[in-house]
C-alpha atoms as a PDB file:
ATOM      1  CA  MET A   1      81.738  99.402  88.937  1.00  0.00           C
ATOM      2  CA  GLU A   2      84.604  97.580  90.188  1.00  0.00           C
ATOM      3  CA  ARG A   3      84.830  95.442  93.236  1.00  0.00           C
ATOM      4  CA  THR A   4      87.914  93.400  94.584  1.00  0.00           C
ATOM      5  CA  TYR A   5      87.844  90.792  96.797  1.00  0.00           C
ATOM      6  CA  SER A   6      91.365  89.227  98.655  1.00  0.00           C
ATOM      7  CA  LEU A   7      92.464  87.583 101.472  1.00  0.00           C
ATOM      8  CA  ILE A   8      92.647  89.642 104.379  1.00  0.00           C
ATOM      9  CA  HIS A   9      96.701  88.733 105.318  1.00  0.00           C
ATOM     10  CA  PRO A  10      98.131  88.039 101.827  1.00  0.00           C
ATOM     11  CA  ASP A  11     101.599  88.519 103.573  1.00  0.00           C
ATOM     12  CA  LEU A  12     101.031  85.449 105.609  1.00  0.00           C
ATOM     13  CA  LEU A  13     101.675  83.492 102.019  1.00  0.00           C
ATOM     14  CA  THR A  14     105.238  85.397 102.193  1.00  0.00           C
ATOM     15  CA  ILE A  15     108.279  82.707 102.798  1.00  0.00           C
ATOM     16  CA  THR A  16     111.841  83.874 103.764  1.00  0.00           C
ATOM     17  CA  GLU A  17     115.092  82.477 104.132  1.00  0.00           C
ATOM     18  CA  GLY A  18     117.633  84.829 104.924  1.00  0.00           C
ATOM     19  CA  GLU A  19     117.003  87.825 102.938  1.00  0.00           C
ATOM     20  CA  ARG A  20     115.114  86.201 100.326  1.00  0.00           C
ATOM     21  CA  THR A  21     111.495  85.977  99.972  1.00  0.00           C
ATOM     22  CA  TRP A  22     108.793  84.025  97.903  1.00  0.00           C
ATOM     23  CA  ARG A  23     105.097  84.579  97.610  1.00  0.00           C
ATOM     24  CA  GLY A  24     104.044  81.269  98.376  1.00  0.00           C
ATOM     25  CA  ALA A  25     106.187  77.746  98.308  1.00  0.00           C
ATOM     26  CA  ASP A  26     107.719  75.958  95.795  1.00  0.00           C
ATOM     27  CA  GLN A  27     107.342  72.445  94.993  1.00  0.00           C
ATOM     28  CA  GLU A  28     110.833  72.309  93.646  1.00  0.00           C
ATOM     29  CA  TRP A  29     111.817  72.701  97.501  1.00  0.00           C
ATOM     30  CA  PHE A  30     110.954  68.574  97.965  1.00  0.00           C
ATOM     31  CA  GLY A  31     114.198  66.581  98.382  1.00  0.00           C
ATOM     32  CA  ASP A  32     112.771  63.769  96.281  1.00  0.00           C
ATOM     33  CA  GLU A  33     112.727  63.854  92.338  1.00  0.00           C
ATOM     34  CA  TRP A  34     109.383  62.440  92.092  1.00  0.00           C
ATOM     35  CA  GLN A  35     108.061  64.878  94.867  1.00  0.00           C
ATOM     36  CA  ARG A  36     109.451  67.778  92.901  1.00  0.00           C
ATOM     37  CA  LYS A  37     107.627  66.712  89.651  1.00  0.00           C
ATOM     38  CA  ALA A  38     104.281  65.584  91.329  1.00  0.00           C
ATOM     39  CA  GLY A  39     104.082  67.629  94.425  1.00  0.00           C
ATOM     40  CA  CYS A  40     102.028  70.547  93.580  1.00  0.00           C
ATOM     41  CA  ALA A  41      98.954  69.559  95.362  1.00  0.00           C
ATOM     42  CA  PRO A  42     100.546  69.012  98.900  1.00  0.00           C
ATOM     43  CA  THR A  43     102.441  72.396  98.224  1.00  0.00           C
ATOM     44  CA  ALA A  44      98.657  73.903  97.982  1.00  0.00           C
ATOM     45  CA  ALA A  45      97.618  72.222 100.765  1.00  0.00           C
ATOM     46  CA  ALA A  46     100.404  73.387 102.711  1.00  0.00           C
ATOM     47  CA  MET A  47      99.501  76.775 101.990  1.00  0.00           C
ATOM     48  CA  LEU A  48      96.151  76.482 102.753  1.00  0.00           C
ATOM     49  CA  VAL A  49      97.012  74.887 106.204  1.00  0.00           C
ATOM     50  CA  SER A  50      99.614  77.583 107.083  1.00  0.00           C
ATOM     51  CA  TYR A  51      96.879  80.122 106.231  1.00  0.00           C
ATOM     52  CA  LEU A  52      94.022  78.812 107.856  1.00  0.00           C
ATOM     53  CA  ALA A  53      96.394  78.094 111.363  1.00  0.00           C
ATOM     54  CA  GLN A  54      97.442  81.462 111.336  1.00  0.00           C
ATOM     55  CA  THR A  55      94.147  83.127 110.948  1.00  0.00           C
ATOM     56  CA  ARG A  56      91.464  80.903 112.706  1.00  0.00           C
ATOM     57  CA  PRO A  57      92.371  79.866 116.493  1.00  0.00           C
ATOM     58  CA  PRO A  58      90.583  76.504 116.081  1.00  0.00           C
ATOM     59  CA  CYS A  59      92.814  75.410 113.198  1.00  0.00           C
ATOM     60  CA  ARG A  60      96.146  76.554 115.097  1.00  0.00           C
ATOM     61  CA  PRO A  61      97.096  73.030 115.772  1.00  0.00           C
ATOM     62  CA  LEU A  62      97.226  72.203 111.996  1.00  0.00           C
ATOM     63  CA  TYR A  63     100.657  74.157 112.078  1.00  0.00           C
ATOM     64  CA  PRO A  64     101.204  75.364 115.652  1.00  0.00           C
ATOM     65  CA  SER A  65     104.528  77.162 114.797  1.00  0.00           C
ATOM     66  CA  GLY A  66     103.196  79.414 112.027  1.00  0.00           C
ATOM     67  CA  SER A  67     106.643  79.897 110.602  1.00  0.00           C
ATOM     68  CA  TRP A  68     107.305  81.030 107.354  1.00  0.00           C
ATOM     69  CA  GLU A  69     110.839  80.058 107.214  1.00  0.00           C
ATOM     70  CA  ARG A  70     111.673  78.027 103.877  1.00  0.00           C
ATOM     71  CA  MET A  71     112.781  75.046 106.098  1.00  0.00           C
ATOM     72  CA  ASP A  72     109.809  74.916 108.290  1.00  0.00           C
ATOM     73  CA  VAL A  73     107.217  75.300 105.508  1.00  0.00           C
ATOM     74  CA  THR A  74     109.152  72.431 103.260  1.00  0.00           C
ATOM     75  CA  ALA A  75     108.794  70.181 106.538  1.00  0.00           C
ATOM     76  CA  LEU A  76     104.989  71.179 106.418  1.00  0.00           C
ATOM     77  CA  MET A  77     104.997  70.552 102.616  1.00  0.00           C
ATOM     78  CA  ASP A  78     106.527  66.786 103.438  1.00  0.00           C
ATOM     79  CA  GLU A  79     103.982  66.225 106.214  1.00  0.00           C
ATOM     80  CA  LEU A  80     101.008  66.808 104.172  1.00  0.00           C
ATOM     81  CA  TRP A  81     102.514  64.838 101.204  1.00  0.00           C
ATOM     82  CA  ALA A  82     101.814  61.755 103.367  1.00  0.00           C
ATOM     83  CA  HIS A  83      98.325  62.793 103.294  1.00  0.00           C
ATOM     84  CA  VAL A  84      97.716  64.441  99.909  1.00  0.00           C
ATOM     85  CA  THR A  85      99.840  61.962  98.126  1.00  0.00           C
ATOM     86  CA  PRO A  86     100.026  61.980  94.350  1.00  0.00           C
ATOM     87  CA  GLY A  87      99.670  58.759  92.364  1.00  0.00           C
ATOM     88  CA  LYS A  88     100.602  57.889  89.041  1.00  0.00           C
ATOM     89  CA  LYS A  89      98.532  60.965  87.465  1.00  0.00           C
ATOM     90  CA  GLY A  90      99.020  63.010  90.407  1.00  0.00           C
ATOM     91  CA  VAL A  91      96.373  64.376  92.644  1.00  0.00           C
ATOM     92  CA  ASN A  92      93.757  64.730  89.786  1.00  0.00           C
ATOM     93  CA  THR A  93      90.602  64.743  91.709  1.00  0.00           C
ATOM     94  CA  LEU A  94      88.895  67.107  94.104  1.00  0.00           C
ATOM     95  CA  HIS A  95      88.391  63.792  96.175  1.00  0.00           C
ATOM     96  CA  LEU A  96      91.766  63.101  96.610  1.00  0.00           C
ATOM     97  CA  PHE A  97      92.555  66.370  97.708  1.00  0.00           C
ATOM     98  CA  THR A  98      89.888  66.892 100.056  1.00  0.00           C
ATOM     99  CA  LYS A  99      90.061  63.278 101.537  1.00  0.00           C
ATOM    100  CA  GLY A 100      93.642  63.788 101.931  1.00  0.00           C
ATOM    101  CA  PHE A 101      93.308  67.402 103.545  1.00  0.00           C
ATOM    102  CA  ALA A 102      90.604  66.334 105.926  1.00  0.00           C
ATOM    103  CA  GLY A 103      92.489  63.264 107.054  1.00  0.00           C
ATOM    104  CA  PHE A 104      95.433  65.512 107.796  1.00  0.00           C
ATOM    105  CA  ALA A 105      93.178  67.902 109.751  1.00  0.00           C
ATOM    106  CA  ALA A 106      91.735  64.831 111.622  1.00  0.00           C
ATOM    107  CA  GLN A 107      95.003  63.801 112.657  1.00  0.00           C
ATOM    108  CA  LYS A 108      95.644  67.120 114.186  1.00  0.00           C
ATOM    109  CA  GLY A 109      92.321  67.035 115.939  1.00  0.00           C
ATOM    110  CA  VAL A 110      90.777  69.487 114.222  1.00  0.00           C
ATOM    111  CA  GLN A 111      87.458  69.266 112.383  1.00  0.00           C
ATOM    112  CA  ILE A 112      87.065  71.309 109.181  1.00  0.00           C
ATOM    113  CA  SER A 113      84.512  71.780 106.661  1.00  0.00           C
ATOM    114  CA  LEU A 114      85.401  71.484 103.248  1.00  0.00           C
ATOM    115  CA  ARG A 115      83.618  72.841 100.157  1.00  0.00           C
ATOM    116  CA  THR A 116      84.312  72.024  96.325  1.00  0.00           C
ATOM    117  CA  LEU A 117      83.216  73.476  93.132  1.00  0.00           C
ATOM    118  CA  ASP A 118      83.777  70.988  90.167  1.00  0.00           C
ATOM    119  CA  ILE A 119      84.021  72.264  86.708  1.00  0.00           C
ATOM    120  CA  PRO A 120      83.408  68.802  84.513  1.00  0.00           C
ATOM    121  CA  ARG A 121      84.659  68.026  81.342  1.00  0.00           C
ATOM    122  CA  PHE A 122      81.452  68.283  79.464  1.00  0.00           C
ATOM    123  CA  LYS A 123      80.304  71.795  78.893  1.00  0.00           C
ATOM    124  CA  LEU A 124      76.714  71.219  79.517  1.00  0.00           C
ATOM    125  CA  ALA A 125      77.499  70.069  82.947  1.00  0.00           C
ATOM    126  CA  ARG A 126      79.700  73.067  83.899  1.00  0.00           C
ATOM    127  CA  PRO A 127      78.591  75.733  86.435  1.00  0.00           C
ATOM    128  CA  THR A 128      78.161  79.127  84.693  1.00  0.00           C
ATOM    129  CA  VAL A 129      80.899  82.092  85.311  1.00  0.00           C
ATOM    130  CA  ASP A 130      78.315  83.637  87.888  1.00  0.00           C
ATOM    131  CA  GLN A 131      78.458  80.338  90.010  1.00  0.00           C
ATOM    132  CA  CYS A 132      82.212  80.299  89.641  1.00  0.00           C
ATOM    133  CA  ALA A 133      82.954  83.875  90.596  1.00  0.00           C
ATOM    134  CA  ALA A 134      80.329  83.390  93.321  1.00  0.00           C
ATOM    135  CA  PHE A 135      82.174  80.237  94.859  1.00  0.00           C
ATOM    136  CA  LEU A 136      85.479  82.279  94.815  1.00  0.00           C
ATOM    137  CA  ARG A 137      83.842  85.165  96.088  1.00  0.00           C
ATOM    138  CA  SER A 138      82.233  83.296  99.218  1.00  0.00           C
ATOM    139  CA  ALA A 139      85.735  81.926 100.010  1.00  0.00           C
ATOM    140  CA  LEU A 140      87.694  85.245  99.817  1.00  0.00           C
ATOM    141  CA  GLU A 141      85.001  86.960 101.787  1.00  0.00           C
ATOM    142  CA  ALA A 142      85.490  84.406 104.345  1.00  0.00           C
ATOM    143  CA  ASP A 143      89.098  85.052 104.348  1.00  0.00           C
ATOM    144  CA  SER A 144      89.618  81.398 102.561  1.00  0.00           C
ATOM    145  CA  PRO A 145      92.198  80.658 100.212  1.00  0.00           C
ATOM    146  CA  VAL A 146      91.221  78.709  97.186  1.00  0.00           C
ATOM    147  CA  ALA A 147      93.061  75.445  95.953  1.00  0.00           C
ATOM    148  CA  TRP A 148      92.453  75.303  92.115  1.00  0.00           C
ATOM    149  CA  LEU A 149      93.369  72.564  89.883  1.00  0.00           C
ATOM    150  CA  ASN A 150      93.954  73.103  86.584  1.00  0.00           C
ATOM    151  CA  LEU A 151      93.419  70.451  84.204  1.00  0.00           C
ATOM    152  CA  HIS A 152      94.082  72.071  80.823  1.00  0.00           C
ATOM    153  CA  SER A 153      95.432  75.431  80.315  1.00  0.00           C
ATOM    154  CA  GLY A 154      93.553  76.076  77.350  1.00  0.00           C
ATOM    155  CA  GLU A 155      94.952  79.261  75.364  1.00  0.00           C
ATOM    156  CA  ALA A 156      97.029  80.253  78.443  1.00  0.00           C
ATOM    157  CA  LYS A 157     100.715  80.060  78.377  1.00  0.00           C
ATOM    158  CA  GLY A 158     103.048  79.499  81.101  1.00  0.00           C
ATOM    159  CA  LEU A 159     100.815  77.394  83.538  1.00  0.00           C
ATOM    160  CA  ASP A 160     100.955  73.695  83.423  1.00  0.00           C
ATOM    161  CA  ASP A 161      98.196  71.235  82.926  1.00  0.00           C
ATOM    162  CA  TRP A 162      97.452  68.956  85.689  1.00  0.00           C
ATOM    163  CA  HIS A 163      98.600  71.712  88.199  1.00  0.00           C
ATOM    164  CA  TRP A 164      97.448  72.824  91.533  1.00  0.00           C
ATOM    165  CA  VAL A 165      97.385  76.439  92.367  1.00  0.00           C
ATOM    166  CA  THR A 166      96.114  78.747  95.217  1.00  0.00           C
ATOM    167  CA  VAL A 167      93.772  81.682  94.508  1.00  0.00           C
ATOM    168  CA  ILE A 168      93.863  84.589  96.934  1.00  0.00           C
ATOM    169  CA  GLY A 169      92.155  87.527  95.062  1.00  0.00           C
ATOM    170  CA  LEU A 170      89.186  88.376  92.521  1.00  0.00           C
ATOM    171  CA  GLU A 171      88.232  91.567  90.844  1.00  0.00           C
ATOM    172  CA  GLU A 172      84.717  92.065  89.183  1.00  0.00           C
ATOM    173  CA  HIS A 173      84.071  94.726  86.676  1.00  0.00           C
ATOM    174  CA  SER A 174      80.296  95.030  86.101  1.00  0.00           C
ATOM    175  CA  ASP A 175      80.342  98.373  84.337  1.00  0.00           C
ATOM    176  CA  LEU A 176      82.313  96.499  81.451  1.00  0.00           C
ATOM    177  CA  GLY A 177      79.887  93.635  81.711  1.00  0.00           C
ATOM    178  CA  SER A 178      82.712  91.401  82.369  1.00  0.00           C
ATOM    179  CA  LEU A 179      84.158  89.222  85.290  1.00  0.00           C
ATOM    180  CA  GLN A 180      87.951  89.504  85.927  1.00  0.00           C
ATOM    181  CA  GLU A 181      89.973  87.389  88.282  1.00  0.00           C
ATOM    182  CA  ASP A 182      93.173  88.737  89.690  1.00  0.00           C
ATOM    183  CA  SER A 183      94.367  86.086  91.842  1.00  0.00           C
ATOM    184  CA  SER A 184      97.923  85.536  93.029  1.00  0.00           C
ATOM    185  CA  LEU A 185      98.320  82.021  92.644  1.00  0.00           C
ATOM    186  CA  ILE A 186     101.047  79.598  94.200  1.00  0.00           C
ATOM    187  CA  SER A 187     102.905  77.805  91.320  1.00  0.00           C
ATOM    188  CA  ARG A 188     105.768  75.559  91.479  1.00  0.00           C
ATOM    189  CA  ARG A 189     108.113  78.215  90.296  1.00  0.00           C
ATOM    190  CA  SER A 190     106.958  81.701  90.619  1.00  0.00           C
ATOM    191  CA  LYS A 191     104.121  84.001  91.455  1.00  0.00           C
ATOM    192  CA  VAL A 192     101.339  84.093  89.056  1.00  0.00           C
ATOM    193  CA  VAL A 193      98.218  85.958  88.366  1.00  0.00           C
ATOM    194  CA  MET A 194      95.295  84.971  86.528  1.00  0.00           C
ATOM    195  CA  ARG A 195      92.921  87.643  84.698  1.00  0.00           C
ATOM    196  CA  SER A 196      89.730  86.230  83.332  1.00  0.00           C
ATOM    197  CA  ARG A 197      86.738  87.631  81.336  1.00  0.00           C
ATOM    198  CA  PRO A 198      83.667  85.592  80.734  1.00  0.00           C
ATOM    199  CA  LYS A 199      82.647  84.564  76.959  1.00  0.00           C
ATOM    200  CA  SER A 200      80.054  81.966  75.959  1.00  0.00           C
ATOM    201  CA  GLY A 201      79.795  80.991  79.605  1.00  0.00           C
ATOM    202  CA  GLU A 202      83.315  80.336  80.256  1.00  0.00           C
ATOM    203  CA  LEU A 203      86.299  81.751  81.881  1.00  0.00           C
ATOM    204  CA  ARG A 204      88.883  82.796  79.344  1.00  0.00           C
ATOM    205  CA  PRO A 205      92.208  84.347  80.443  1.00  0.00           C
ATOM    206  CA  HIS A 206      94.214  86.760  79.018  1.00  0.00           C
ATOM    207  CA  GLN A 207      98.151  87.777  79.705  1.00  0.00           C
ATOM    208  CA  ARG A 208      98.883  90.497  81.847  1.00  0.00           C
ATOM    209  CA  ASN A 209     102.125  91.789  81.726  1.00  0.00           C
ATOM    210  CA  HIS A 210     104.946  89.526  82.440  1.00  0.00           C
ATOM    211  CA  ARG A 211     102.798  87.418  84.512  1.00  0.00           C
ATOM    212  CA  LYS A 212     101.115  84.380  83.971  1.00  0.00           C
ATOM    213  CA  SER A 213      97.361  83.146  83.527  1.00  0.00           C
ATOM    214  CA  MET A 214      95.147  80.227  83.614  1.00  0.00           C
ATOM    215  CA  PRO A 215      91.351  79.256  82.541  1.00  0.00           C
ATOM    216  CA  ALA A 216      89.306  77.548  85.087  1.00  0.00           C
ATOM    217  CA  ARG A 217      88.801  73.970  84.560  1.00  0.00           C
ATOM    218  CA  ARG A 218      88.128  72.413  87.891  1.00  0.00           C
ATOM    219  CA  SER A 219      88.514  73.815  91.267  1.00  0.00           C
ATOM    220  CA  GLY A 220      88.218  73.202  94.796  1.00  0.00           C
ATOM    221  CA  GLU A 221      88.141  75.159  97.915  1.00  0.00           C
ATOM    222  CA  PRO A 222      89.164  73.426 101.060  1.00  0.00           C
ATOM    223  CA  GLY A 223      88.433  76.026 103.772  1.00  0.00           C
ATOM    224  CA  LEU A 224      85.970  76.879 106.733  1.00  0.00           C
ATOM    225  CA  ALA A 225      82.330  76.665 105.577  1.00  0.00           C
END
């Protein structure tokens, strides 16, 4: 038995410039060198802001134009940078991300409830695979993208450590006794897909075709409760 969960309107993550299109924003669009190097968190935040603004009328003031033109999205990324601001170690905790995200929303006059799931360094303190899946499932069923902080790539190739991405989908295969996440993520260079299977209480990824994958280490879901 297979069950799939996804955002209702993933097409709203498509950014355009003339005839070119991208699935999600690229932190390389920032004008400053430090921003390009450390800007994955405000980039992910911009994706969440825009999606929420386009799918929830109370959130429309977050991004009134709803434009997916590259120039406008880059301006939104710059605006989020002022709130979700990387330090020397980037935005390396959920607290820094959610505090900045909530501050941006408050400035726009929008009250927003944030939910988070922390996956600590110590294995005994980590949530189970089922708990991680339930967190992602509840977000996607509420049509909320998930900002995910990858602190360590483990065995995965092609995904940076200390990197924020945006999860938009989940697949579950109960007949195989396994969980698979099939999530389109916003990276700083390209579309990425994560597929994971549980083993020894952890999410472990494998590569799918030419696409990239990532393990779960720490995640957050800025979105409506």
